[in-house]
Protein backbone atom coordinates (compact mmCIF):
# COMPACT_ATOMS: atom_id res chain seq x y z
CA UNK A 1 32.15 11.57 -2.33
CA UNK A 2 30.33 8.20 -2.63
CA UNK A 3 33.59 6.17 -2.60
CA UNK A 4 35.32 8.16 0.13
CA UNK A 5 38.23 9.17 -2.13
CA UNK A 6 39.22 12.35 -3.94
CA UNK A 7 38.22 13.49 -7.42
CA UNK A 8 41.76 12.99 -8.73
CA UNK A 9 41.73 9.35 -7.61
CA UNK A 10 38.38 8.76 -9.29
CA UNK A 11 39.75 10.34 -12.47
CA UNK A 12 42.77 8.01 -12.43
CA UNK A 13 40.49 4.96 -11.96
CA UNK A 14 38.03 5.93 -14.70
CA UNK A 15 40.75 6.83 -17.19
CA UNK A 16 43.11 4.05 -16.08
CA UNK A 17 45.99 6.43 -15.38
CA UNK A 18 48.60 6.20 -12.69
CA UNK A 19 48.91 3.75 -9.83
CA UNK A 20 45.80 3.04 -7.76
CA UNK A 21 45.45 0.20 -5.25
CA UNK A 22 43.17 -2.69 -6.20
CA UNK A 23 40.95 -2.09 -3.12
CA UNK A 24 40.52 1.57 -4.10
CA UNK A 25 39.61 0.65 -7.66
CA UNK A 26 37.00 -1.78 -6.32
CA UNK A 27 35.59 0.89 -3.97
CA UNK A 28 35.30 3.41 -6.81
CA UNK A 29 33.68 0.82 -9.12
CA UNK A 30 31.12 -0.04 -6.41
CA UNK A 31 30.38 3.65 -5.82
CA UNK A 32 29.80 4.21 -9.54
CA UNK A 33 27.45 1.24 -9.61
CA UNK A 34 25.50 2.59 -6.62
CA UNK A 35 25.17 6.03 -8.21
CA UNK A 36 23.96 4.49 -11.45
CA UNK A 37 21.33 2.54 -9.50
CA UNK A 38 20.21 5.69 -7.69
CA UNK A 39 19.91 7.53 -10.99
CA UNK A 40 18.04 4.65 -12.53
CA UNK A 41 15.32 4.63 -9.88
CA UNK A 42 15.23 8.32 -8.94
CA UNK A 43 12.60 9.21 -11.54
CA UNK A 44 10.14 6.43 -10.68
CA UNK A 45 8.64 7.83 -7.49
CA UNK A 46 4.89 8.11 -7.67
CA UNK A 47 4.59 6.36 -11.04
CA UNK A 48 1.24 4.63 -11.38
CA UNK A 49 1.11 0.98 -12.45
CA UNK A 50 -2.15 -0.68 -13.47
CA UNK A 51 -1.98 -4.35 -12.51
CA UNK A 52 -4.62 -6.91 -13.47
CA UNK A 53 -5.39 -9.65 -10.94
CA UNK A 54 -7.08 -12.80 -12.25
CA UNK A 55 -7.86 -15.42 -9.61
CA UNK A 56 -9.91 -18.60 -9.80
CA UNK A 57 -10.55 -19.62 -6.20
CA UNK A 58 -13.38 -20.17 -3.72
CA UNK A 59 -14.72 -16.85 -2.44
CA UNK A 60 -13.24 -17.34 1.03
CA UNK A 61 -9.69 -17.65 -0.39
CA UNK A 62 -10.18 -14.99 -3.07
CA UNK A 63 -11.21 -12.59 -0.31
CA UNK A 64 -8.00 -13.39 1.56
CA UNK A 65 -5.95 -12.67 -1.57
CA UNK A 66 -7.74 -9.37 -2.16
CA UNK A 67 -7.33 -8.27 1.46
CA UNK A 68 -3.62 -9.21 1.45
CA UNK A 69 -3.02 -7.23 -1.74
CA UNK A 70 -4.93 -4.17 -0.51
CA UNK A 71 -2.98 -4.22 2.75
CA UNK A 72 0.33 -4.18 0.87
CA UNK A 73 -0.48 -1.48 -1.69
CA UNK A 74 0.41 1.55 0.51
CA UNK A 75 3.88 0.17 1.20
CA UNK A 76 4.82 -0.65 -2.39
CA UNK A 77 7.15 2.28 -2.91
CA UNK A 78 8.10 3.94 -5.15
CA UNK A 79 5.13 2.87 -7.30
CA UNK A 80 1.42 3.57 -6.97
CA UNK A 81 -0.19 0.26 -7.89
CA UNK A 82 -3.81 0.23 -8.97
CA UNK A 83 -5.29 -3.28 -9.23
CA UNK A 84 -8.08 -4.33 -11.57
CA UNK A 85 -9.64 -7.40 -9.95
CA UNK A 86 -11.20 -10.40 -11.67
CA UNK A 87 -11.89 -12.87 -8.86
CA UNK A 88 -14.18 -15.80 -9.63
CA UNK A 89 -14.94 -19.09 -7.90
CA UNK A 90 -14.79 -21.04 -11.15
CA UNK A 91 -13.52 -20.07 -14.59
CA UNK A 92 -13.35 -22.17 -17.71
CA UNK A 93 -10.13 -22.25 -19.66
CA UNK A 94 -11.86 -20.22 -22.38
CA UNK A 95 -12.87 -17.55 -19.85
CA UNK A 96 -9.33 -17.20 -18.51
CA UNK A 97 -7.90 -17.02 -22.03
CA UNK A 98 -10.49 -14.41 -23.02
CA UNK A 99 -9.64 -12.33 -19.94
CA UNK A 100 -5.91 -12.47 -20.72
CA UNK A 101 -6.44 -11.54 -24.35
CA UNK A 102 -8.66 -8.62 -23.34
CA UNK A 103 -5.80 -7.38 -21.16
CA UNK A 104 -3.42 -7.70 -24.10
CA UNK A 105 -5.73 -5.51 -26.19
CA UNK A 106 -6.39 -2.75 -23.65
CA UNK A 107 -2.93 -2.78 -22.11
CA UNK A 108 -1.62 -3.31 -18.59
CA UNK A 109 1.60 -2.95 -16.63
CA UNK A 110 1.35 -6.54 -15.44
CA UNK A 111 -0.84 -9.47 -14.46
CA UNK A 112 -1.04 -11.50 -11.25
CA UNK A 113 -2.57 -14.85 -12.16
CA UNK A 114 -3.92 -17.86 -10.28
CA UNK A 115 -5.10 -20.33 -12.89
CA UNK A 116 -4.86 -23.95 -13.98
CA UNK A 117 -1.75 -25.18 -15.75
CA UNK A 118 -3.18 -25.97 -19.19
CA UNK A 119 -1.69 -25.28 -22.65
CA UNK A 120 -4.24 -22.68 -23.81
CA UNK A 121 -3.66 -20.50 -20.74
CA UNK A 122 0.10 -20.92 -21.09
CA UNK A 123 -0.16 -19.79 -24.72
CA UNK A 124 -2.16 -16.70 -23.71
CA UNK A 125 0.54 -15.81 -21.18
CA UNK A 126 3.10 -16.14 -23.95
CA UNK A 127 1.10 -13.67 -26.05
CA UNK A 128 1.17 -11.17 -23.18
CA UNK A 129 4.92 -11.65 -22.82
CA UNK A 130 5.46 -10.93 -26.51
CA UNK A 131 3.39 -7.78 -26.05
CA UNK A 132 5.60 -6.58 -23.20
CA UNK A 133 3.09 -7.34 -20.41
CA UNK A 134 4.67 -9.37 -17.59
CA UNK A 135 2.74 -12.13 -15.82
CA UNK A 136 3.48 -13.35 -12.29
CA UNK A 137 1.77 -16.58 -11.23
CA UNK A 138 0.60 -16.69 -7.61
CA UNK A 139 0.04 -19.71 -5.32
CA UNK A 140 -0.02 -22.15 -8.25
CA UNK A 141 2.50 -22.03 -11.06
CA UNK A 142 2.57 -22.34 -14.85
CA UNK A 143 6.33 -22.75 -15.21
CA UNK A 144 6.43 -23.33 -18.99
CA UNK A 145 4.21 -20.37 -19.85
CA UNK A 146 6.61 -17.46 -20.17
CA UNK A 147 5.60 -15.95 -16.82
CA UNK A 148 8.39 -13.83 -15.33
CA UNK A 149 8.13 -15.23 -11.78
CA UNK A 150 6.13 -17.32 -9.32
CA UNK A 151 5.11 -15.98 -5.92
CA UNK A 152 3.78 -18.36 -3.29
CA UNK A 153 4.71 -21.19 -1.03
CA UNK A 154 6.79 -24.19 -2.11
CA UNK A 155 4.01 -26.70 -2.64
CA UNK A 156 6.32 -29.71 -2.74
CA UNK A 157 7.64 -28.79 0.69
CA UNK A 158 4.05 -28.34 1.89
CA UNK A 159 3.03 -31.83 0.75
CA UNK A 160 6.08 -33.45 2.34
CA UNK A 161 5.44 -31.52 5.57
CA UNK A 162 1.85 -32.76 5.66
CA UNK A 163 3.03 -36.35 5.21
CA UNK A 164 5.59 -35.97 7.99
CA UNK A 165 3.04 -34.54 10.42
CA UNK A 166 0.39 -37.09 9.58
CA UNK A 167 2.80 -40.01 9.79
CA UNK A 168 4.23 -38.91 13.14
CA UNK A 169 0.72 -38.24 14.45
CA UNK A 170 -0.57 -41.71 13.55
CA UNK A 171 2.57 -43.67 14.38
CA UNK A 172 2.27 -47.36 13.52
CA UNK A 173 -1.50 -47.26 12.99
CA UNK A 174 -2.74 -48.60 9.68
CA UNK A 175 -5.81 -47.37 7.88
CA UNK A 176 -7.20 -45.09 5.21
CA UNK A 177 -6.27 -41.44 4.60
CA UNK A 178 -8.70 -39.20 2.70
CA UNK A 179 -7.08 -36.67 0.36
CA UNK A 180 -8.87 -33.89 -1.52
CA UNK A 181 -7.76 -31.41 -4.17
CA UNK A 182 -9.95 -28.72 -5.70
CA UNK A 183 -8.65 -29.49 -9.20
CA UNK A 184 -5.53 -31.44 -10.15
CA UNK A 185 -4.85 -28.97 -12.98
CA UNK A 186 -3.90 -26.41 -10.37
CA UNK A 187 -0.23 -27.25 -10.41
CA UNK A 188 0.30 -26.16 -6.81
CA UNK A 189 -2.17 -28.71 -5.47
CA UNK A 190 -0.83 -31.37 -7.82
CA UNK A 191 2.67 -30.76 -6.46
CA UNK A 192 1.38 -31.08 -2.90
CA UNK A 193 -0.33 -34.35 -3.76
CA UNK A 194 2.67 -35.87 -5.56
CA UNK A 195 5.02 -34.95 -2.73
CA UNK A 196 2.55 -36.19 -0.09
CA UNK A 197 2.05 -39.53 -1.84
CA UNK A 198 5.78 -40.06 -2.30
CA UNK A 199 6.61 -39.30 1.33
CA UNK A 200 3.77 -41.42 2.68
CA UNK A 201 4.62 -44.36 0.43
CA UNK A 202 8.24 -44.20 1.55
CA UNK A 203 7.77 -43.73 5.27
CA UNK A 204 4.28 -45.03 6.07
CA UNK A 205 3.29 -47.79 3.60
CA UNK A 206 0.59 -49.06 5.99
CA UNK A 207 -1.57 -46.04 5.13
CA UNK A 208 -3.91 -46.29 2.12
CA UNK A 209 -5.00 -43.14 0.26
CA UNK A 210 -8.62 -42.49 -0.71
CA UNK A 211 -9.01 -39.67 -3.25
CA UNK A 212 -12.08 -37.40 -3.33
CA UNK A 213 -10.75 -34.56 -5.46
CA UNK A 214 -12.41 -32.30 -8.00
CA UNK A 215 -14.82 -30.20 -5.93
CA UNK A 216 -13.11 -26.87 -6.77
CA UNK A 217 -12.96 -26.13 -3.02
CA UNK A 218 -16.71 -25.39 -3.11
CA UNK A 219 -18.89 -26.84 -0.38
CA UNK A 220 -21.67 -28.61 -2.29
CA UNK A 221 -19.58 -30.50 -4.89
CA UNK A 222 -16.85 -31.25 -2.32
CA UNK A 223 -19.34 -32.75 0.16
CA UNK A 224 -20.88 -34.86 -2.59
CA UNK A 225 -17.52 -36.22 -3.73
CA UNK A 226 -16.38 -37.03 -0.19
CA UNK A 227 -19.71 -38.73 0.65
CA UNK A 228 -19.41 -40.86 -2.48
CA UNK A 229 -15.83 -41.84 -1.62
CA UNK A 230 -16.84 -42.77 1.92
CA UNK A 231 -19.66 -45.05 0.71
CA UNK A 232 -17.03 -47.59 -0.34
CA UNK A 233 -14.95 -47.48 2.86
CA UNK A 234 -15.72 -48.27 6.48
CA UNK A 235 -13.64 -45.63 8.21
CA UNK A 236 -11.15 -42.84 7.61
CA UNK A 237 -8.17 -42.52 9.92
CA UNK A 238 -6.92 -39.13 8.74
CA UNK A 239 -7.54 -36.33 6.22
CA UNK A 240 -5.21 -34.14 4.17
CA UNK A 241 -7.25 -31.37 2.56
CA UNK A 242 -5.21 -29.62 -0.12
CA UNK A 243 -7.94 -27.56 -1.76
CA UNK A 244 -10.29 -26.32 0.95
CA UNK A 245 -13.99 -26.94 1.57
CA UNK A 246 -13.25 -28.25 5.03
CA UNK A 247 -16.68 -27.66 6.53
CA UNK A 248 -18.16 -29.73 3.73
CA UNK A 249 -15.59 -32.50 4.23
CA UNK A 250 -16.31 -32.61 7.95
CA UNK A 251 -20.08 -32.73 7.34
CA UNK A 252 -19.62 -35.73 5.06
CA UNK A 253 -17.42 -37.46 7.63
CA UNK A 254 -19.88 -36.78 10.44
CA UNK A 255 -22.74 -38.16 8.35
CA UNK A 256 -20.77 -41.41 8.18
CA UNK A 257 -20.06 -41.33 11.91
CA UNK A 258 -16.34 -40.81 11.34
CA UNK A 259 -14.02 -38.59 13.38
CA UNK A 260 -10.49 -38.58 11.94
CA UNK A 261 -7.58 -38.87 14.37
CA UNK A 262 -5.63 -36.33 12.32
CA UNK A 263 -6.93 -33.59 10.03
CA UNK A 264 -4.47 -31.34 8.15
CA UNK A 265 -5.58 -28.46 5.92
CA UNK A 266 -4.22 -25.37 4.19
CA UNK A 267 -4.60 -21.62 4.74
CA UNK A 268 -6.03 -19.45 7.50
CA UNK A 269 -9.32 -18.13 6.16
CA UNK A 270 -12.22 -17.51 8.54
CA UNK A 271 -13.68 -21.03 8.18
CA UNK A 272 -10.36 -22.73 8.86
CA UNK A 273 -9.58 -20.38 11.75
CA UNK A 274 -12.85 -21.35 13.45
CA UNK A 275 -12.41 -25.07 12.75
CA UNK A 276 -8.88 -24.95 14.14
CA UNK A 277 -10.03 -23.19 17.30
CA UNK A 278 -12.78 -25.79 17.69
CA UNK A 279 -10.27 -28.65 17.40
CA UNK A 280 -11.93 -30.10 14.32
CA UNK A 281 -8.84 -29.34 12.22
CA UNK A 282 -5.64 -30.31 14.00
CA UNK A 283 -3.05 -28.41 11.95
CA UNK A 284 -2.98 -25.95 9.07
CA UNK A 285 -0.14 -25.32 6.65
CA UNK A 286 -0.06 -21.54 6.56
CA UNK A 287 1.86 -19.07 4.43
CA UNK A 288 1.85 -15.30 4.66
CA UNK A 289 -0.35 -14.08 1.81
CA UNK A 290 0.74 -10.49 2.33
CA UNK A 291 4.37 -11.42 1.85
CA UNK A 292 3.50 -13.39 -1.29
CA UNK A 293 1.45 -10.54 -2.78
CA UNK A 294 4.23 -8.08 -1.94
CA UNK A 295 6.72 -10.32 -3.75
CA UNK A 296 4.41 -10.65 -6.76
CA UNK A 297 3.97 -6.88 -7.08
CA UNK A 298 7.68 -6.27 -6.64
CA UNK A 299 8.41 -8.58 -9.58
CA UNK A 300 6.18 -6.35 -11.73
CA UNK A 301 7.97 -3.25 -10.42
CA UNK A 302 11.36 -4.81 -11.10
CA UNK A 303 10.28 -5.62 -14.67
CA UNK A 304 9.53 -1.91 -15.15
CA UNK A 305 12.92 -0.95 -13.67
CA UNK A 306 11.36 0.57 -10.56
CA UNK A 307 13.20 -1.76 -8.17
CA UNK A 308 16.54 -3.55 -8.33
CA UNK A 309 16.49 -7.33 -8.11
CA UNK A 310 18.24 -7.06 -4.76
CA UNK A 311 15.12 -5.43 -3.29
CA UNK A 312 12.77 -8.31 -4.16
CA UNK A 313 10.97 -9.96 -1.23
CA UNK A 314 11.19 -13.76 -1.18
CA UNK A 315 8.02 -15.83 -1.19
CA UNK A 316 6.77 -16.98 2.19
CA UNK A 317 7.72 -20.23 3.90
CA UNK A 318 5.39 -22.99 5.05
CA UNK A 319 4.40 -22.58 8.70
CA UNK A 320 2.62 -25.28 10.72
CA UNK A 321 -0.20 -23.66 12.70
CA UNK A 322 -2.01 -25.42 15.54
CA UNK A 323 -4.63 -24.05 17.96
CA UNK A 324 -1.70 -23.02 20.20
CA UNK A 325 0.22 -20.78 17.77
CA UNK A 326 -2.31 -18.97 15.59
CA UNK A 327 -0.66 -15.68 14.52
CA UNK A 328 -1.90 -12.74 16.58
CA UNK A 329 -2.79 -10.64 13.54
CA UNK A 330 -5.07 -13.46 12.33
CA UNK A 331 -6.76 -13.74 15.73
CA UNK A 332 -7.30 -9.97 15.86
CA UNK A 333 -8.70 -9.86 12.35
CA UNK A 334 -11.28 -12.64 12.78
CA UNK A 335 -12.39 -11.47 16.20
CA UNK A 336 -13.68 -8.18 14.75
């Protein structure tokens, strides 16, 4: 018996007859709840879910997202998730909206979305919600859109962490700090930037920020923007790269004869792994993409009553990675 008591006792509890101790009543109630949960999920094993994945990101990061998702798929029990991928380096708002509306027409069990936080995309997410198709935002959020959950790192914590590291690294030195975002309409990067500015202004007012954002994390436009920003300034003391394109940023700095004393970036793709090993990037703010993609998929499964909320995996935490503590699985992967 699930509760460890006899049938007669269970009968008295259910029908509220006779005298039963409070602890026994609680034990029986918990057992009933557990059995109901088991019944609820017992028929879901092997059910196939079609999940659409729409990501606007540079190829190097989109590849990391795809690989993380594919690595998690075999372990996402009891469902069989089948992703339909739409990964592009740049997408206009109209293209994202069109993709979401196409999903609404053909049907889907859910959408994982990395897109800019703009009203038209938020409205399209609302249309999916009204049609019973859940959307989970990944790595950058659209909190007012009707999405059911966000999976990814806490970007405000990431920005504050970058400011702390950079400030402690530079000490009392004064000078200019270059910051870059791929696109401020990606809410995640905007949150990093706001938090970084606030922390730096509070703790290290002697540091002046130079903004070279808008390159979409792509090498050519990022290098051009950074070169233009550097034309007006003699030297750069440090860099906080929020949106990628680090090889391009470093090329622009080298062309100006500048070597920053501190360079902080995000994510452990192949480029950043090599730059970190070479000592050209000094620290990366890393989060476990596999854990984030697992959490995103589990939110879809929970929506379809295939998992209880208690089984949801939390999003990953920000980890500071230096050349001395690169995760072993990352080293093994990029040494292949």
